[in-house]
Amino acid sequence: MSSTQLTRTNIGDWLRGRVVTYGELAPDSFSDDTPFADLGFTSVYALTLCGDIEDTFGLVVEPTIVWHHPTIRELADALEGLLERR
């Protein structure tokens, strides 16, 4: 993604795609405010997501970011803030 596309909405859409893929979920079966734990997220998913975040956005984040920001909306906000500061 180019820097002009890195809005909270775009990051949230990207995260939603990861959640759909990891959990084999229908995109309309949850909201951006559904806790990752309620979607069946495990530590393995958190590690995988961190790798995908690094590959896609160039950010190195700890897996605990998923537990500190436990929804798509919260995590997208956190990632947007990290991207703005780099």
N, C-alpha and C. Protein backbone atom coordinates (compact mmCIF):
# COMPACT_ATOMS: atom_id res chain seq x y z
N MET A 1 0.84 -1.18 0.00
CA MET A 1 0.00 0.00 0.00
C MET A 1 0.88 1.24 0.00
N SER A 2 0.51 2.22 -0.79
CA SER A 2 1.26 3.47 -0.78
C SER A 2 0.80 4.31 0.41
N SER A 3 1.62 5.29 0.77
CA SER A 3 1.30 6.09 1.95
C SER A 3 0.01 6.89 1.78
N THR A 4 -0.39 7.20 0.55
CA THR A 4 -1.63 7.94 0.35
C THR A 4 -2.85 7.08 0.65
N GLN A 5 -2.70 5.79 0.70
CA GLN A 5 -3.81 4.89 0.97
C GLN A 5 -3.92 4.49 2.43
N LEU A 6 -3.01 4.92 3.25
CA LEU A 6 -2.94 4.43 4.62
C LEU A 6 -3.83 5.22 5.57
N THR A 7 -5.12 5.12 5.36
CA THR A 7 -6.09 5.71 6.28
C THR A 7 -6.57 4.62 7.22
N ARG A 8 -7.22 5.02 8.30
CA ARG A 8 -7.78 4.04 9.22
C ARG A 8 -8.74 3.11 8.51
N THR A 9 -9.50 3.65 7.57
CA THR A 9 -10.46 2.83 6.83
C THR A 9 -9.75 1.79 5.98
N ASN A 10 -8.71 2.20 5.26
CA ASN A 10 -7.98 1.25 4.44
C ASN A 10 -7.28 0.19 5.28
N ILE A 11 -6.70 0.61 6.39
CA ILE A 11 -6.04 -0.34 7.28
C ILE A 11 -7.09 -1.30 7.86
N GLY A 12 -8.23 -0.76 8.25
CA GLY A 12 -9.31 -1.60 8.77
C GLY A 12 -9.81 -2.60 7.75
N ASP A 13 -9.94 -2.17 6.50
CA ASP A 13 -10.36 -3.09 5.44
C ASP A 13 -9.33 -4.19 5.25
N TRP A 14 -8.06 -3.82 5.31
CA TRP A 14 -6.99 -4.81 5.17
C TRP A 14 -7.05 -5.81 6.34
N LEU A 15 -7.21 -5.29 7.57
CA LEU A 15 -7.31 -6.17 8.74
C LEU A 15 -8.51 -7.10 8.63
N ARG A 16 -9.64 -6.56 8.18
CA ARG A 16 -10.84 -7.38 7.99
C ARG A 16 -10.54 -8.53 7.03
N GLY A 17 -9.83 -8.26 5.97
CA GLY A 17 -9.45 -9.31 5.02
C GLY A 17 -8.59 -10.39 5.67
N ARG A 18 -7.67 -9.98 6.54
CA ARG A 18 -6.83 -10.95 7.24
C ARG A 18 -7.69 -11.81 8.17
N VAL A 19 -8.60 -11.18 8.91
CA VAL A 19 -9.47 -11.92 9.83
C VAL A 19 -10.34 -12.91 9.06
N VAL A 20 -10.90 -12.48 7.95
CA VAL A 20 -11.73 -13.37 7.11
C VAL A 20 -10.90 -14.56 6.66
N THR A 21 -9.68 -14.31 6.22
CA THR A 21 -8.82 -15.38 5.74
C THR A 21 -8.41 -16.33 6.86
N TYR A 22 -7.90 -15.77 7.96
CA TYR A 22 -7.42 -16.61 9.06
C TYR A 22 -8.54 -17.46 9.65
N GLY A 23 -9.68 -16.84 9.89
CA GLY A 23 -10.77 -17.54 10.57
C GLY A 23 -11.75 -18.21 9.65
N GLU A 24 -11.51 -18.08 8.33
CA GLU A 24 -12.44 -18.63 7.33
C GLU A 24 -13.86 -18.18 7.65
N LEU A 25 -14.01 -16.87 7.83
CA LEU A 25 -15.28 -16.26 8.22
C LEU A 25 -15.89 -15.51 7.04
N ALA A 26 -17.19 -15.38 7.06
CA ALA A 26 -17.87 -14.54 6.08
C ALA A 26 -17.62 -13.08 6.46
N PRO A 27 -17.31 -12.22 5.49
CA PRO A 27 -17.00 -10.82 5.80
C PRO A 27 -18.12 -10.08 6.54
N ASP A 28 -19.35 -10.48 6.33
CA ASP A 28 -20.47 -9.79 6.98
C ASP A 28 -20.92 -10.47 8.28
N SER A 29 -20.11 -11.40 8.78
CA SER A 29 -20.50 -12.13 9.99
C SER A 29 -20.00 -11.48 11.28
N PHE A 30 -19.30 -10.36 11.17
CA PHE A 30 -18.78 -9.67 12.35
C PHE A 30 -18.57 -8.20 12.02
N SER A 31 -18.44 -7.39 13.06
CA SER A 31 -18.22 -5.95 12.87
C SER A 31 -16.78 -5.60 13.22
N ASP A 32 -16.42 -4.36 12.93
CA ASP A 32 -15.07 -3.89 13.28
C ASP A 32 -14.89 -3.75 14.78
N ASP A 33 -15.97 -3.88 15.54
CA ASP A 33 -15.90 -3.78 17.00
C ASP A 33 -16.02 -5.14 17.70
N THR A 34 -16.05 -6.21 16.93
CA THR A 34 -16.09 -7.55 17.51
C THR A 34 -14.69 -7.90 18.02
N PRO A 35 -14.56 -8.28 19.28
CA PRO A 35 -13.24 -8.64 19.81
C PRO A 35 -12.63 -9.82 19.04
N PHE A 36 -11.32 -9.73 18.80
CA PHE A 36 -10.63 -10.81 18.11
C PHE A 36 -10.85 -12.15 18.81
N ALA A 37 -10.87 -12.13 20.15
CA ALA A 37 -11.08 -13.38 20.90
C ALA A 37 -12.41 -14.02 20.55
N ASP A 38 -13.44 -13.20 20.31
CA ASP A 38 -14.75 -13.73 19.94
C ASP A 38 -14.75 -14.32 18.53
N LEU A 39 -13.74 -13.97 17.75
CA LEU A 39 -13.61 -14.49 16.38
C LEU A 39 -12.71 -15.71 16.32
N GLY A 40 -12.28 -16.18 17.49
CA GLY A 40 -11.45 -17.38 17.54
C GLY A 40 -9.97 -17.11 17.37
N PHE A 41 -9.56 -15.85 17.49
CA PHE A 41 -8.14 -15.52 17.34
C PHE A 41 -7.34 -16.18 18.44
N THR A 42 -6.22 -16.75 18.08
CA THR A 42 -5.29 -17.39 19.01
C THR A 42 -3.94 -16.70 18.90
N SER A 43 -3.01 -17.12 19.72
CA SER A 43 -1.66 -16.55 19.65
C SER A 43 -1.02 -16.83 18.29
N VAL A 44 -1.36 -17.94 17.68
CA VAL A 44 -0.83 -18.25 16.34
C VAL A 44 -1.32 -17.22 15.33
N TYR A 45 -2.60 -16.88 15.39
CA TYR A 45 -3.14 -15.84 14.50
C TYR A 45 -2.46 -14.50 14.77
N ALA A 46 -2.23 -14.18 16.03
CA ALA A 46 -1.58 -12.92 16.38
C ALA A 46 -0.17 -12.85 15.79
N LEU A 47 0.58 -13.93 15.91
CA LEU A 47 1.93 -13.98 15.33
C LEU A 47 1.89 -13.83 13.82
N THR A 48 0.96 -14.53 13.19
CA THR A 48 0.82 -14.45 11.74
C THR A 48 0.44 -13.04 11.32
N LEU A 49 -0.48 -12.43 12.04
CA LEU A 49 -0.90 -11.07 11.72
C LEU A 49 0.27 -10.10 11.85
N CYS A 50 1.09 -10.26 12.87
CA CYS A 50 2.25 -9.37 13.03
C CYS A 50 3.20 -9.49 11.85
N GLY A 51 3.41 -10.70 11.36
CA GLY A 51 4.24 -10.90 10.18
C GLY A 51 3.63 -10.24 8.96
N ASP A 52 2.33 -10.35 8.82
CA ASP A 52 1.64 -9.71 7.68
C ASP A 52 1.70 -8.19 7.79
N ILE A 53 1.59 -7.66 9.00
CA ILE A 53 1.70 -6.21 9.20
C ILE A 53 3.09 -5.74 8.79
N GLU A 54 4.11 -6.47 9.20
CA GLU A 54 5.47 -6.11 8.83
C GLU A 54 5.66 -6.16 7.31
N ASP A 55 5.18 -7.22 6.69
CA ASP A 55 5.33 -7.37 5.24
C ASP A 55 4.58 -6.29 4.47
N THR A 56 3.40 -5.94 4.93
CA THR A 56 2.54 -5.00 4.21
C THR A 56 2.87 -3.54 4.50
N PHE A 57 3.11 -3.22 5.77
CA PHE A 57 3.27 -1.83 6.17
C PHE A 57 4.69 -1.46 6.59
N GLY A 58 5.56 -2.46 6.72
CA GLY A 58 6.93 -2.18 7.14
C GLY A 58 7.04 -1.84 8.62
N LEU A 59 6.05 -2.23 9.40
CA LEU A 59 6.06 -1.99 10.84
C LEU A 59 6.38 -3.29 11.57
N VAL A 60 7.30 -3.22 12.50
CA VAL A 60 7.58 -4.37 13.35
C VAL A 60 6.79 -4.16 14.64
N VAL A 61 5.83 -5.04 14.88
CA VAL A 61 4.99 -4.94 16.08
C VAL A 61 5.02 -6.26 16.84
N GLU A 62 4.82 -6.16 18.13
CA GLU A 62 4.77 -7.35 18.98
C GLU A 62 3.38 -7.97 18.90
N PRO A 63 3.28 -9.29 19.05
CA PRO A 63 1.97 -9.95 19.02
C PRO A 63 1.00 -9.43 20.08
N THR A 64 1.51 -8.87 21.16
CA THR A 64 0.63 -8.34 22.20
C THR A 64 -0.19 -7.15 21.72
N ILE A 65 0.17 -6.56 20.59
CA ILE A 65 -0.62 -5.44 20.06
C ILE A 65 -2.06 -5.87 19.81
N VAL A 66 -2.23 -7.14 19.44
CA VAL A 66 -3.58 -7.66 19.18
C VAL A 66 -4.40 -7.72 20.46
N TRP A 67 -3.76 -7.98 21.58
CA TRP A 67 -4.49 -8.06 22.85
C TRP A 67 -4.69 -6.67 23.45
N HIS A 68 -3.76 -5.75 23.19
CA HIS A 68 -3.90 -4.38 23.69
C HIS A 68 -4.91 -3.57 22.86
N HIS A 69 -5.10 -3.97 21.62
CA HIS A 69 -6.05 -3.31 20.70
C HIS A 69 -6.90 -4.43 20.11
N PRO A 70 -7.89 -4.93 20.88
CA PRO A 70 -8.54 -6.21 20.59
C PRO A 70 -9.66 -6.22 19.55
N THR A 71 -9.80 -5.16 18.77
CA THR A 71 -10.79 -5.17 17.69
C THR A 71 -10.15 -4.61 16.43
N ILE A 72 -10.78 -4.84 15.31
CA ILE A 72 -10.27 -4.28 14.05
C ILE A 72 -10.17 -2.77 14.15
N ARG A 73 -11.22 -2.14 14.67
CA ARG A 73 -11.23 -0.67 14.77
C ARG A 73 -10.08 -0.16 15.63
N GLU A 74 -9.89 -0.76 16.81
CA GLU A 74 -8.83 -0.31 17.71
C GLU A 74 -7.45 -0.57 17.13
N LEU A 75 -7.26 -1.73 16.51
CA LEU A 75 -5.96 -2.05 15.94
C LEU A 75 -5.67 -1.16 14.74
N ALA A 76 -6.66 -0.89 13.92
CA ALA A 76 -6.46 0.01 12.77
C ALA A 76 -6.06 1.40 13.24
N ASP A 77 -6.70 1.89 14.29
CA ASP A 77 -6.33 3.19 14.85
C ASP A 77 -4.89 3.19 15.34
N ALA A 78 -4.50 2.13 16.05
CA ALA A 78 -3.14 2.03 16.57
C ALA A 78 -2.12 1.97 15.43
N LEU A 79 -2.40 1.18 14.41
CA LEU A 79 -1.47 1.07 13.29
C LEU A 79 -1.37 2.39 12.53
N GLU A 80 -2.49 3.07 12.36
CA GLU A 80 -2.46 4.37 11.68
C GLU A 80 -1.55 5.33 12.46
N GLY A 81 -1.67 5.34 13.78
CA GLY A 81 -0.82 6.19 14.60
C GLY A 81 0.65 5.84 14.46
N LEU A 82 0.97 4.57 14.46
CA LEU A 82 2.36 4.14 14.30
C LEU A 82 2.91 4.54 12.93
N LEU A 83 2.09 4.40 11.91
CA LEU A 83 2.53 4.76 10.56
C LEU A 83 2.74 6.27 10.42
N GLU A 84 1.92 7.06 11.08
CA GLU A 84 2.07 8.52 11.03
C GLU A 84 3.35 8.97 11.71
N ARG A 85 3.80 8.23 12.73
CA ARG A 85 4.99 8.62 13.49
C ARG A 85 6.30 8.17 12.87
N ARG A 86 6.25 7.34 11.88
CA ARG A 86 7.54 6.87 11.34
C ARG A 86 8.06 7.78 10.28
